[in-house]
Structure formats: structure tokens, C-alpha cells
Amino acid sequence: MNKSELIKQVAIQSELTKPQASLAVDAVLESIQHALQNGEHIQLLGFGTFEVRERAAREGRNPHTGE
């Protein structure tokens, strides 16, 4: 499911117009993004958990050149 499909489902299930559902979805996603940027941990019971995790850097390779 992509963002536009999510907006469509929110509109149907909540009886909102698509523009209203779009604003609601954007508000939720922006809130999650803002919290993660501030180092917060987000737990939505029955859905999932969001957190930023540091990962060690690794050297990538260009598949065309092998470098």
C-alpha cells in the first residue's frame, strides 16, 4: 500500500473527503517524523514500534564498475 492508497482507505473508513483524509494522514506522518527526529521512541499498540537506530557505516559498491 502506498500513501495515496492509504489516504483512499482513510477517507472511506472515516467518511472524510480525500482532501480531509490527506490532511489527516499527513499530520500523523509528520508527527511521527518529528518525534523520530527528536530521538523519541514511538509505540502504537496493536500496530508497531518506530525508533531511529544507529548503524555502522559500510562501503558501498557500484554494480556497473565494481568500485
PDB file of N, CA and C in Angstrom:
ATOM      1  N   MET A   1       0.852  -1.171   0.000  1.00  0.00           N
ATOM      2  CA  MET A   1       0.000   0.000   0.000  1.00  0.00           C
ATOM      3  C   MET A   1       0.895   1.230   0.000  1.00  0.00           C
ATOM      4  N   ASN A   2       0.593   2.161  -0.868  1.00  0.00           N
ATOM      5  CA  ASN A   2       1.339   3.414  -0.884  1.00  0.00           C
ATOM      6  C   ASN A   2       0.511   4.514  -0.212  1.00  0.00           C
ATOM      7  N   LYS A   3       1.050   5.727  -0.178  1.00  0.00           N
ATOM      8  CA  LYS A   3       0.402   6.814   0.544  1.00  0.00           C
ATOM      9  C   LYS A   3      -0.969   7.149  -0.033  1.00  0.00           C
ATOM     10  N   SER A   4      -1.101   7.189  -1.344  1.00  0.00           N
ATOM     11  CA  SER A   4      -2.397   7.537  -1.942  1.00  0.00           C
ATOM     12  C   SER A   4      -3.443   6.464  -1.653  1.00  0.00           C
ATOM     13  N   GLU A   5      -3.025   5.202  -1.613  1.00  0.00           N
ATOM     14  CA  GLU A   5      -3.955   4.124  -1.260  1.00  0.00           C
ATOM     15  C   GLU A   5      -4.370   4.225   0.209  1.00  0.00           C
ATOM     16  N   LEU A   6      -3.423   4.605   1.064  1.00  0.00           N
ATOM     17  CA  LEU A   6      -3.729   4.799   2.475  1.00  0.00           C
ATOM     18  C   LEU A   6      -4.739   5.930   2.646  1.00  0.00           C
ATOM     19  N   ILE A   7      -4.530   7.024   1.949  1.00  0.00           N
ATOM     20  CA  ILE A   7      -5.455   8.158   2.018  1.00  0.00           C
ATOM     21  C   ILE A   7      -6.850   7.737   1.570  1.00  0.00           C
ATOM     22  N   LYS A   8      -6.918   6.969   0.500  1.00  0.00           N
ATOM     23  CA  LYS A   8      -8.213   6.494  -0.001  1.00  0.00           C
ATOM     24  C   LYS A   8      -8.922   5.646   1.054  1.00  0.00           C
ATOM     25  N   GLN A   9      -8.192   4.732   1.703  1.00  0.00           N
ATOM     26  CA  GLN A   9      -8.782   3.876   2.734  1.00  0.00           C
ATOM     27  C   GLN A   9      -9.233   4.680   3.949  1.00  0.00           C
ATOM     28  N   VAL A  10      -8.426   5.659   4.351  1.00  0.00           N
ATOM     29  CA  VAL A  10      -8.802   6.511   5.484  1.00  0.00           C
ATOM     30  C   VAL A  10     -10.072   7.278   5.145  1.00  0.00           C
ATOM     31  N   ALA A  11     -10.160   7.791   3.931  1.00  0.00           N
ATOM     32  CA  ALA A  11     -11.347   8.534   3.505  1.00  0.00           C
ATOM     33  C   ALA A  11     -12.589   7.653   3.555  1.00  0.00           C
ATOM     34  N   ILE A  12     -12.471   6.435   3.063  1.00  0.00           N
ATOM     35  CA  ILE A  12     -13.614   5.510   3.045  1.00  0.00           C
ATOM     36  C   ILE A  12     -14.036   5.135   4.467  1.00  0.00           C
ATOM     37  N   GLN A  13     -13.064   4.731   5.281  1.00  0.00           N
ATOM     38  CA  GLN A  13     -13.381   4.217   6.615  1.00  0.00           C
ATOM     39  C   GLN A  13     -13.845   5.298   7.584  1.00  0.00           C
ATOM     40  N   SER A  14     -13.409   6.537   7.376  1.00  0.00           N
ATOM     41  CA  SER A  14     -13.767   7.607   8.305  1.00  0.00           C
ATOM     42  C   SER A  14     -14.815   8.556   7.735  1.00  0.00           C
ATOM     43  N   GLU A  15     -15.273   8.275   6.524  1.00  0.00           N
ATOM     44  CA  GLU A  15     -16.261   9.112   5.841  1.00  0.00           C
ATOM     45  C   GLU A  15     -15.789  10.560   5.701  1.00  0.00           C
ATOM     46  N   LEU A  16     -14.515  10.717   5.398  1.00  0.00           N
ATOM     47  CA  LEU A  16     -13.935  12.025   5.108  1.00  0.00           C
ATOM     48  C   LEU A  16     -13.770  12.161   3.605  1.00  0.00           C
ATOM     49  N   THR A  17     -13.628  13.405   3.149  1.00  0.00           N
ATOM     50  CA  THR A  17     -13.280  13.604   1.747  1.00  0.00           C
ATOM     51  C   THR A  17     -11.813  13.233   1.585  1.00  0.00           C
ATOM     52  N   LYS A  18     -11.390  13.006   0.352  1.00  0.00           N
ATOM     53  CA  LYS A  18      -9.974  12.673   0.135  1.00  0.00           C
ATOM     54  C   LYS A  18      -9.054  13.801   0.600  1.00  0.00           C
ATOM     55  N   PRO A  19      -9.389  15.081   0.331  1.00  0.00           N
ATOM     56  CA  PRO A  19      -8.507  16.143   0.853  1.00  0.00           C
ATOM     57  C   PRO A  19      -8.434  16.154   2.383  1.00  0.00           C
ATOM     58  N   GLN A  20      -9.546  15.892   3.053  1.00  0.00           N
ATOM     59  CA  GLN A  20      -9.534  15.835   4.515  1.00  0.00           C
ATOM     60  C   GLN A  20      -8.703  14.651   5.003  1.00  0.00           C
ATOM     61  N   ALA A  21      -8.874  13.512   4.364  1.00  0.00           N
ATOM     62  CA  ALA A  21      -8.103  12.326   4.732  1.00  0.00           C
ATOM     63  C   ALA A  21      -6.621  12.556   4.479  1.00  0.00           C
ATOM     64  N   SER A  22      -6.301  13.245   3.397  1.00  0.00           N
ATOM     65  CA  SER A  22      -4.905  13.549   3.083  1.00  0.00           C
ATOM     66  C   SER A  22      -4.281  14.404   4.179  1.00  0.00           C
ATOM     67  N   LEU A  23      -5.021  15.408   4.647  1.00  0.00           N
ATOM     68  CA  LEU A  23      -4.517  16.248   5.736  1.00  0.00           C
ATOM     69  C   LEU A  23      -4.298  15.425   7.004  1.00  0.00           C
ATOM     70  N   ALA A  24      -5.219  14.517   7.296  1.00  0.00           N
ATOM     71  CA  ALA A  24      -5.097  13.682   8.491  1.00  0.00           C
ATOM     72  C   ALA A  24      -3.880  12.761   8.396  1.00  0.00           C
ATOM     73  N   VAL A  25      -3.718  12.100   7.261  1.00  0.00           N
ATOM     74  CA  VAL A  25      -2.578  11.195   7.069  1.00  0.00           C
ATOM     75  C   VAL A  25      -1.272  11.978   7.141  1.00  0.00           C
ATOM     76  N   ASP A  26      -1.225  13.129   6.477  1.00  0.00           N
ATOM     77  CA  ASP A  26      -0.016  13.956   6.520  1.00  0.00           C
ATOM     78  C   ASP A  26       0.312  14.380   7.948  1.00  0.00           C
ATOM     79  N   ALA A  27      -0.714  14.744   8.726  1.00  0.00           N
ATOM     80  CA  ALA A  27      -0.489  15.167  10.111  1.00  0.00           C
ATOM     81  C   ALA A  27       0.099  14.030  10.937  1.00  0.00           C
ATOM     82  N   VAL A  28      -0.419  12.831  10.758  1.00  0.00           N
ATOM     83  CA  VAL A  28       0.095  11.675  11.504  1.00  0.00           C
ATOM     84  C   VAL A  28       1.540  11.390  11.108  1.00  0.00           C
ATOM     85  N   LEU A  29       1.804  11.351   9.806  1.00  0.00           N
ATOM     86  CA  LEU A  29       3.160  11.042   9.341  1.00  0.00           C
ATOM     87  C   LEU A  29       4.158  12.111   9.764  1.00  0.00           C
ATOM     88  N   GLU A  30       3.751  13.386   9.707  1.00  0.00           N
ATOM     89  CA  GLU A  30       4.640  14.468  10.130  1.00  0.00           C
ATOM     90  C   GLU A  30       4.910  14.393  11.629  1.00  0.00           C
ATOM     91  N   SER A  31       3.899  14.023  12.407  1.00  0.00           N
ATOM     92  CA  SER A  31       4.084  13.881  13.854  1.00  0.00           C
ATOM     93  C   SER A  31       5.071  12.768  14.168  1.00  0.00           C
ATOM     94  N   ILE A  32       4.947  11.652  13.468  1.00  0.00           N
ATOM     95  CA  ILE A  32       5.876  10.536  13.658  1.00  0.00           C
ATOM     96  C   ILE A  32       7.286  10.961  13.262  1.00  0.00           C
ATOM     97  N   GLN A  33       7.405  11.621  12.116  1.00  0.00           N
ATOM     98  CA  GLN A  33       8.716  12.060  11.639  1.00  0.00           C
ATOM     99  C   GLN A  33       9.357  13.037  12.625  1.00  0.00           C
ATOM    100  N   HIS A  34       8.584  13.989  13.115  1.00  0.00           N
ATOM    101  CA  HIS A  34       9.106  14.988  14.050  1.00  0.00           C
ATOM    102  C   HIS A  34       9.589  14.319  15.343  1.00  0.00           C
ATOM    103  N   ALA A  35       8.797  13.385  15.856  1.00  0.00           N
ATOM    104  CA  ALA A  35       9.179  12.686  17.082  1.00  0.00           C
ATOM    105  C   ALA A  35      10.467  11.897  16.881  1.00  0.00           C
ATOM    106  N   LEU A  36      10.591  11.214  15.751  1.00  0.00           N
ATOM    107  CA  LEU A  36      11.802  10.436  15.477  1.00  0.00           C
ATOM    108  C   LEU A  36      13.021  11.341  15.336  1.00  0.00           C
ATOM    109  N   GLN A  37      12.839  12.500  14.705  1.00  0.00           N
ATOM    110  CA  GLN A  37      13.951  13.442  14.562  1.00  0.00           C
ATOM    111  C   GLN A  37      14.420  13.955  15.916  1.00  0.00           C
ATOM    112  N   ASN A  38      13.510  13.987  16.890  1.00  0.00           N
ATOM    113  CA  ASN A  38      13.860  14.434  18.236  1.00  0.00           C
ATOM    114  C   ASN A  38      14.330  13.291  19.127  1.00  0.00           C
ATOM    115  N   GLY A  39      14.566  12.130  18.524  1.00  0.00           N
ATOM    116  CA  GLY A  39      15.094  10.993  19.259  1.00  0.00           C
ATOM    117  C   GLY A  39      14.070  10.244  20.090  1.00  0.00           C
ATOM    118  N   GLU A  40      12.797  10.508  19.850  1.00  0.00           N
ATOM    119  CA  GLU A  40      11.751   9.834  20.614  1.00  0.00           C
ATOM    120  C   GLU A  40      11.471   8.445  20.056  1.00  0.00           C
ATOM    121  N   HIS A  41      10.914   7.614  20.896  1.00  0.00           N
ATOM    122  CA  HIS A  41      10.521   6.245  20.569  1.00  0.00           C
ATOM    123  C   HIS A  41       8.998   6.255  20.446  1.00  0.00           C
ATOM    124  N   ILE A  42       8.446   5.695  19.384  1.00  0.00           N
ATOM    125  CA  ILE A  42       7.001   5.706  19.162  1.00  0.00           C
ATOM    126  C   ILE A  42       6.486   4.280  19.203  1.00  0.00           C
ATOM    127  N   GLN A  43       5.480   4.048  20.035  1.00  0.00           N
ATOM    128  CA  GLN A  43       4.875   2.722  20.130  1.00  0.00           C
ATOM    129  C   GLN A  43       3.373   2.868  19.927  1.00  0.00           C
ATOM    130  N   LEU A  44       2.869   2.261  18.854  1.00  0.00           N
ATOM    131  CA  LEU A  44       1.440   2.246  18.572  1.00  0.00           C
ATOM    132  C   LEU A  44       0.952   0.830  18.856  1.00  0.00           C
ATOM    133  N   LEU A  45       0.293   0.660  19.982  1.00  0.00           N
ATOM    134  CA  LEU A  45      -0.146  -0.671  20.406  1.00  0.00           C
ATOM    135  C   LEU A  45      -1.021  -1.311  19.340  1.00  0.00           C
ATOM    136  N   GLY A  46      -0.753  -2.550  19.051  1.00  0.00           N
ATOM    137  CA  GLY A  46      -1.504  -3.280  18.044  1.00  0.00           C
ATOM    138  C   GLY A  46      -1.042  -3.006  16.634  1.00  0.00           C
ATOM    139  N   PHE A  47      -0.041  -2.135  16.473  1.00  0.00           N
ATOM    140  CA  PHE A  47       0.448  -1.814  15.131  1.00  0.00           C
ATOM    141  C   PHE A  47       1.940  -2.030  15.007  1.00  0.00           C
ATOM    142  N   GLY A  48       2.716  -1.264  15.772  1.00  0.00           N
ATOM    143  CA  GLY A  48       4.163  -1.403  15.664  1.00  0.00           C
ATOM    144  C   GLY A  48       4.900  -0.343  16.449  1.00  0.00           C
ATOM    145  N   THR A  49       6.212  -0.403  16.353  1.00  0.00           N
ATOM    146  CA  THR A  49       7.101   0.499  17.065  1.00  0.00           C
ATOM    147  C   THR A  49       8.041   1.159  16.072  1.00  0.00           C
ATOM    148  N   PHE A  50       8.276   2.440  16.271  1.00  0.00           N
ATOM    149  CA  PHE A  50       9.189   3.196  15.427  1.00  0.00           C
ATOM    150  C   PHE A  50      10.293   3.758  16.300  1.00  0.00           C
ATOM    151  N   GLU A  51      11.527   3.617  15.840  1.00  0.00           N
ATOM    152  CA  GLU A  51      12.656   4.217  16.533  1.00  0.00           C
ATOM    153  C   GLU A  51      13.816   4.347  15.550  1.00  0.00           C
ATOM    154  N   VAL A  52      14.657   5.318  15.814  1.00  0.00           N
ATOM    155  CA  VAL A  52      15.847   5.509  14.989  1.00  0.00           C
ATOM    156  C   VAL A  52      16.967   4.690  15.601  1.00  0.00           C
ATOM    157  N   ARG A  53      17.632   3.915  14.775  1.00  0.00           N
ATOM    158  CA  ARG A  53      18.757   3.104  15.241  1.00  0.00           C
ATOM    159  C   ARG A  53      19.994   3.481  14.448  1.00  0.00           C
ATOM    160  N   GLU A  54      21.080   3.654  15.166  1.00  0.00           N
ATOM    161  CA  GLU A  54      22.360   3.937  14.524  1.00  0.00           C
ATOM    162  C   GLU A  54      22.910   2.640  13.948  1.00  0.00           C
ATOM    163  N   ARG A  55      23.444   2.729  12.754  1.00  0.00           N
ATOM    164  CA  ARG A  55      24.074   1.566  12.126  1.00  0.00           C
ATOM    165  C   ARG A  55      25.482   1.948  11.714  1.00  0.00           C
ATOM    166  N   ALA A  56      26.355   0.996  11.771  1.00  0.00           N
ATOM    167  CA  ALA A  56      27.736   1.239  11.363  1.00  0.00           C
ATOM    168  C   ALA A  56      27.778   1.524   9.865  1.00  0.00           C
ATOM    169  N   ALA A  57      28.655   2.430   9.491  1.00  0.00           N
ATOM    170  CA  ALA A  57      28.816   2.755   8.078  1.00  0.00           C
ATOM    171  C   ALA A  57      29.441   1.579   7.350  1.00  0.00           C
ATOM    172  N   ARG A  58      29.124   1.459   6.093  1.00  0.00           N
ATOM    173  CA  ARG A  58      29.741   0.412   5.284  1.00  0.00           C
ATOM    174  C   ARG A  58      30.086   1.003   3.930  1.00  0.00           C
ATOM    175  N   GLU A  59      31.028   0.373   3.274  1.00  0.00           N
ATOM    176  CA  GLU A  59      31.454   0.855   1.972  1.00  0.00           C
ATOM    177  C   GLU A  59      30.585   0.213   0.900  1.00  0.00           C
ATOM    178  N   GLY A  60      29.979   1.045   0.079  1.00  0.00           N
ATOM    179  CA  GLY A  60      29.128   0.542  -0.998  1.00  0.00           C
ATOM    180  C   GLY A  60      29.925   0.298  -2.268  1.00  0.00           C
ATOM    181  N   ARG A  61      29.312  -0.394  -3.190  1.00  0.00           N
ATOM    182  CA  ARG A  61      29.953  -0.683  -4.472  1.00  0.00           C
ATOM    183  C   ARG A  61      29.014  -0.311  -5.604  1.00  0.00           C
ATOM    184  N   ASN A  62      29.605   0.207  -6.661  1.00  0.00           N
ATOM    185  CA  ASN A  62      28.857   0.494  -7.873  1.00  0.00           C
ATOM    186  C   ASN A  62      28.760  -0.805  -8.664  1.00  0.00           C
ATOM    187  N   PRO A  63      27.550  -1.326  -8.910  1.00  0.00           N
ATOM    188  CA  PRO A  63      27.441  -2.609  -9.605  1.00  0.00           C
ATOM    189  C   PRO A  63      27.925  -2.563 -11.059  1.00  0.00           C
ATOM    190  N   HIS A  64      27.955  -1.376 -11.641  1.00  0.00           N
ATOM    191  CA  HIS A  64      28.401  -1.263 -13.033  1.00  0.00           C
ATOM    192  C   HIS A  64      29.921  -1.264 -13.167  1.00  0.00           C
ATOM    193  N   THR A  65      30.589  -0.609 -12.224  1.00  0.00           N
ATOM    194  CA  THR A  65      32.044  -0.503 -12.326  1.00  0.00           C
ATOM    195  C   THR A  65      32.772  -1.441 -11.368  1.00  0.00           C
ATOM    196  N   GLY A  66      32.078  -1.938 -10.357  1.00  0.00           N
ATOM    197  CA  GLY A  66      32.714  -2.805  -9.374  1.00  0.00           C
ATOM    198  C   GLY A  66      33.521  -2.039  -8.346  1.00  0.00           C
ATOM    199  N   GLU A  67      33.543  -0.741  -8.448  1.00  0.00           N
ATOM    200  CA  GLU A  67      34.313   0.077  -7.490  1.00  0.00           C
ATOM    201  C   GLU A  67      33.520   0.318  -6.227  1.00  0.00           C
TER     202      GLU A  67
END
